[in-house]
Amino acid sequence: MTAPPDDCLARNEWICGAYLSTRRQILLDAVAQHLQLTVIAVLVGLVIAVPLAVLARRWGWAAGPVLAATTVLYTVPSLAMFSLLLPVYGLSAALVVAGLVLYSLTLLVRNILAGLRAVPEETRQAARGLGYGPVRLLLTVELPLAVPAAMAGLRIATVSAVSLVTVGAIVGFGGLGNLIYAGMNTYFKAQVLTASVLCVVIAVAADLLLLGVQWLITPWTRGARG
C-alpha cells in the first residue's frame, strides 16, 4: 500500500502552508495588481461622479437622465460589459478599469446627489447671506455636509470594485482573480482558497479604512451623536 505524500501541495489540500511559502511573490504581485486596479477605478469614478452629481443638483431636470443612465450601466452583466468595451480598449488593464468605473458611477452619483440634496436650505441661505458665491458655497458648505452620504456610496463602490476586479481574469488582468481562475481550471485547492480569502480581506480592510477616514473628516457627526 502506497503511503500518502507528506507535502500538502502534493495532497492538494485546501489549507496549505507550503503554498504560502512557495508562492509568496506570486501572491504579492496579484494583491498589488488587485489593489492598483481597484484604487484607480474608484478614484476615476469619483472624479467623474462628483461633477455629475453637482450638475444634477444644480439643474433638477438633469437628475433623472443622469441617474437613469448610470443605473442602466449597473444592470449590464460584467462579462457583457467587458465584451462591449473590448473593441475600444483591447485586452488591457484599461479595459478592466473602464468597466469598474462605469459600475461605480451608479453608487457614487446617487449617494453624492443624496448628500447634496440633504443640505438644509437654511444653511445655504445663511451662507449666501455671508457673501458666499456658488463655487465657495459648493466647496465649503455643500460638499463637506454631503460627505457622510458620499462616503457611504464610496465604501459600497470600493467593496464592489474589489469583487469585480476578479472578473478581469478573463482578459488576464484580474489580480487575485487570475489565481482563482487558474486554480479552478486545474482544481488547485490551496490557490483557490488563498486567493479568495485574500479578496475578502482586502474588501473588509478597504471598508474599515474608509470608515475610519469618514470618522476623521466628519467630526461634527460625532458631536451630533454624542
Protein backbone atom coordinates (compact mmCIF):
# COMPACT_ATOMS: atom_id res chain seq x y z
CA MET A 1 0.00 0.00 0.00
CA THR A 2 1.40 3.42 -1.01
CA ALA A 3 1.79 5.95 1.79
CA PRO A 4 0.18 9.36 1.24
CA PRO A 5 2.61 12.17 0.34
CA ASP A 6 3.85 14.35 3.20
CA ASP A 7 3.58 17.59 1.21
CA CYS A 8 0.19 19.31 1.47
CA LEU A 9 0.73 20.62 -2.06
CA ALA A 10 1.10 17.08 -3.34
CA ARG A 11 -2.02 16.07 -1.43
CA ASN A 12 -3.81 19.12 -2.92
CA GLU A 13 -5.27 20.25 0.39
CA TRP A 14 -7.42 23.36 0.79
CA ILE A 15 -5.31 24.76 3.63
CA CYS A 16 -1.62 24.50 2.87
CA GLY A 17 1.18 26.50 4.48
CA ALA A 18 3.59 25.31 1.82
CA TYR A 19 1.58 27.16 -0.79
CA LEU A 20 2.02 30.44 1.07
CA SER A 21 5.76 29.96 1.49
CA THR A 22 6.48 28.83 -2.08
CA ARG A 23 4.13 31.26 -3.86
CA ARG A 24 4.68 34.36 -1.73
CA GLN A 25 5.87 36.57 -4.58
CA ILE A 26 3.07 35.41 -6.87
CA LEU A 27 0.54 36.30 -4.18
CA LEU A 28 2.12 39.68 -3.51
CA ASP A 29 2.10 40.55 -7.23
CA ALA A 30 -1.56 39.51 -7.51
CA VAL A 31 -2.53 41.57 -4.45
CA ALA A 32 -0.63 44.59 -5.80
CA GLN A 33 -2.41 44.37 -9.16
CA HIS A 34 -5.77 43.90 -7.41
CA LEU A 35 -5.24 46.99 -5.26
CA GLN A 36 -3.96 49.05 -8.20
CA LEU A 37 -6.96 48.28 -10.39
CA THR A 38 -9.39 48.92 -7.54
CA VAL A 39 -7.89 52.23 -6.42
CA ILE A 40 -7.55 53.64 -9.94
CA ALA A 41 -11.10 52.67 -10.88
CA VAL A 42 -12.65 54.12 -7.73
CA LEU A 43 -10.68 57.37 -7.97
CA VAL A 44 -11.57 57.86 -11.64
CA GLY A 45 -15.20 57.05 -10.85
CA LEU A 46 -15.18 59.61 -8.05
CA VAL A 47 -13.69 62.29 -10.32
CA ILE A 48 -16.50 61.69 -12.82
CA ALA A 49 -19.30 61.22 -10.28
CA VAL A 50 -18.82 64.45 -8.33
CA PRO A 51 -19.39 66.80 -11.32
CA LEU A 52 -22.32 64.68 -12.50
CA ALA A 53 -23.95 64.87 -9.06
CA VAL A 54 -23.32 68.61 -8.80
CA LEU A 55 -24.86 69.20 -12.24
CA ALA A 56 -27.84 67.04 -11.33
CA ARG A 57 -28.28 69.08 -8.14
CA ARG A 58 -27.95 72.44 -9.90
CA TRP A 59 -30.29 71.56 -12.76
CA GLY A 60 -33.08 69.38 -11.47
CA TRP A 61 -34.10 68.25 -14.94
CA ALA A 62 -30.70 66.56 -15.37
CA ALA A 63 -31.08 64.34 -12.29
CA GLY A 64 -33.47 61.90 -13.95
CA PRO A 65 -31.37 61.25 -17.09
CA VAL A 66 -28.10 61.05 -15.11
CA LEU A 67 -29.47 58.57 -12.58
CA ALA A 68 -31.21 56.56 -15.31
CA ALA A 69 -28.06 56.31 -17.42
CA THR A 70 -25.84 55.22 -14.52
CA THR A 71 -28.46 52.71 -13.34
CA VAL A 72 -28.68 51.14 -16.79
CA LEU A 73 -24.90 50.76 -16.85
CA TYR A 74 -25.03 48.96 -13.50
CA THR A 75 -27.52 46.41 -14.83
CA VAL A 76 -25.20 45.25 -17.64
CA PRO A 77 -23.58 41.91 -16.69
CA SER A 78 -19.84 42.18 -16.11
CA LEU A 79 -18.87 39.77 -18.89
CA ALA A 80 -21.08 41.63 -21.35
CA MET A 81 -19.65 44.98 -20.19
CA PHE A 82 -16.07 43.86 -20.77
CA SER A 83 -17.02 42.43 -24.15
CA LEU A 84 -18.61 45.73 -25.19
CA LEU A 85 -15.51 47.66 -24.12
CA LEU A 86 -13.11 45.22 -25.78
CA PRO A 87 -13.08 46.94 -29.23
CA VAL A 88 -12.13 50.23 -27.54
CA TYR A 89 -9.51 49.12 -25.01
CA GLY A 90 -8.38 45.72 -26.24
CA LEU A 91 -7.00 43.10 -23.85
CA SER A 92 -5.55 45.53 -21.33
CA ALA A 93 -5.80 46.71 -17.75
CA ALA A 94 -7.59 49.81 -19.07
CA LEU A 95 -10.47 47.55 -20.13
CA VAL A 96 -10.96 46.36 -16.55
CA VAL A 97 -10.60 49.87 -15.11
CA ALA A 98 -13.13 51.31 -17.56
CA GLY A 99 -15.67 48.64 -16.68
CA LEU A 100 -15.21 49.19 -12.96
CA VAL A 101 -15.54 52.96 -13.38
CA LEU A 102 -18.86 52.58 -15.19
CA TYR A 103 -20.17 50.26 -12.47
CA SER A 104 -19.09 52.63 -9.69
CA LEU A 105 -20.96 55.62 -11.13
CA THR A 106 -24.39 54.40 -10.03
CA LEU A 107 -23.38 54.09 -6.39
CA LEU A 108 -21.28 57.23 -6.30
CA VAL A 109 -23.55 59.61 -8.21
CA ARG A 110 -26.68 58.51 -6.35
CA ASN A 111 -25.13 58.90 -2.90
CA ILE A 112 -23.33 62.17 -3.60
CA LEU A 113 -26.54 63.62 -5.03
CA ALA A 114 -28.48 62.42 -1.98
CA GLY A 115 -25.93 64.12 0.26
CA LEU A 116 -26.16 67.41 -1.65
CA ARG A 117 -29.95 67.31 -1.55
CA ALA A 118 -29.86 66.72 2.21
CA VAL A 119 -28.06 70.02 2.90
CA PRO A 120 -30.65 72.21 4.68
CA GLU A 121 -31.85 75.14 2.60
CA GLU A 122 -31.49 77.46 5.58
CA THR A 123 -27.79 76.56 5.67
CA ARG A 124 -27.44 77.60 2.03
CA GLN A 125 -29.33 80.81 2.65
CA ALA A 126 -27.17 81.65 5.65
CA ALA A 127 -24.00 81.11 3.59
CA ARG A 128 -25.34 83.31 0.80
CA GLY A 129 -26.15 85.95 3.38
CA LEU A 130 -22.49 85.91 4.41
CA GLY A 131 -21.47 86.62 0.83
CA TYR A 132 -20.69 83.09 -0.33
CA GLY A 133 -20.77 82.71 -4.11
CA PRO A 134 -21.86 79.49 -5.87
CA VAL A 135 -18.38 77.97 -6.03
CA ARG A 136 -17.44 78.82 -2.45
CA LEU A 137 -20.83 77.61 -1.26
CA LEU A 138 -20.32 74.29 -3.03
CA LEU A 139 -16.75 73.72 -1.86
CA THR A 140 -17.01 74.90 1.74
CA VAL A 141 -20.62 74.14 2.68
CA GLU A 142 -22.47 71.73 0.41
CA LEU A 143 -19.77 69.17 -0.38
CA PRO A 144 -18.50 68.90 3.22
CA LEU A 145 -22.05 68.37 4.51
CA ALA A 146 -22.60 65.75 1.79
CA VAL A 147 -19.55 63.74 2.88
CA PRO A 148 -21.37 61.18 5.11
CA ALA A 149 -23.72 60.13 2.29
CA ALA A 150 -20.94 60.29 -0.27
CA MET A 151 -18.67 58.12 1.88
CA ALA A 152 -21.41 55.52 2.21
CA GLY A 153 -21.54 55.27 -1.59
CA LEU A 154 -17.74 55.26 -1.81
CA ARG A 155 -17.49 52.36 0.63
CA ILE A 156 -20.00 50.28 -1.31
CA ALA A 157 -18.39 51.16 -4.64
CA THR A 158 -14.95 50.20 -3.32
CA VAL A 159 -16.07 46.84 -1.96
CA SER A 160 -17.92 46.14 -5.22
CA ALA A 161 -14.80 47.03 -7.21
CA VAL A 162 -12.70 44.64 -5.14
CA SER A 163 -15.15 41.89 -6.05
CA LEU A 164 -15.50 42.80 -9.73
CA VAL A 165 -11.75 43.03 -10.32
CA THR A 166 -11.66 39.24 -10.20
CA VAL A 167 -13.79 39.11 -13.36
CA GLY A 168 -10.90 40.81 -15.14
CA ALA A 169 -9.19 37.42 -15.11
CA ILE A 170 -10.94 36.69 -18.42
CA VAL A 171 -8.61 39.23 -20.06
CA GLY A 172 -5.59 38.45 -17.89
CA PHE A 173 -5.90 41.48 -15.58
CA GLY A 174 -7.86 40.25 -12.60
CA GLY A 175 -5.39 40.50 -9.73
CA LEU A 176 -6.26 37.69 -7.36
CA GLY A 177 -8.95 36.67 -9.85
CA ASN A 178 -6.17 35.37 -12.12
CA LEU A 179 -5.14 32.93 -9.39
CA ILE A 180 -8.73 31.92 -8.67
CA TYR A 181 -9.43 31.33 -12.36
CA ALA A 182 -6.24 29.33 -12.90
CA GLY A 183 -6.78 27.37 -9.69
CA MET A 184 -10.31 26.40 -10.64
CA ASN A 185 -9.18 25.24 -14.08
CA THR A 186 -6.60 22.91 -12.50
CA TYR A 187 -8.55 22.23 -9.28
CA PHE A 188 -5.67 23.67 -7.25
CA LYS A 189 -7.47 23.89 -3.91
CA ALA A 190 -4.93 25.89 -1.92
CA GLN A 191 -4.64 28.54 -4.62
CA VAL A 192 -8.40 28.97 -4.98
CA LEU A 193 -8.98 29.25 -1.23
CA THR A 194 -6.00 31.50 -0.52
CA ALA A 195 -6.81 33.96 -3.32
CA SER A 196 -10.49 34.02 -2.34
CA VAL A 197 -9.69 34.70 1.32
CA LEU A 198 -7.31 37.50 0.33
CA CYS A 199 -10.10 39.10 -1.73
CA VAL A 200 -12.35 39.09 1.32
CA VAL A 201 -9.55 40.51 3.49
CA ILE A 202 -8.93 43.34 1.01
CA ALA A 203 -12.64 44.19 0.85
CA VAL A 204 -13.05 44.25 4.63
CA ALA A 205 -9.83 46.22 5.14
CA ALA A 206 -10.83 48.78 2.49
CA ASP A 207 -14.26 49.23 4.07
CA LEU A 208 -12.78 49.70 7.55
CA LEU A 209 -10.17 52.13 6.20
CA LEU A 210 -12.82 54.29 4.53
CA LEU A 211 -14.96 54.12 7.65
CA GLY A 212 -12.00 55.43 9.64
CA VAL A 213 -11.41 58.21 7.11
CA GLN A 214 -15.07 59.19 7.35
CA TRP A 215 -14.81 59.30 11.14
CA LEU A 216 -11.79 61.58 10.92
CA ILE A 217 -13.15 64.05 8.35
CA THR A 218 -16.67 64.37 9.79
CA PRO A 219 -16.14 65.38 13.43
CA TRP A 220 -19.49 67.18 13.51
CA THR A 221 -21.33 63.86 13.14
CA ARG A 222 -19.58 62.55 16.26
CA GLY A 223 -20.69 65.62 18.17
CA ALA A 224 -24.27 65.19 16.96
CA ARG A 225 -24.34 61.56 18.08
CA GLY A 226 -22.84 62.49 21.42
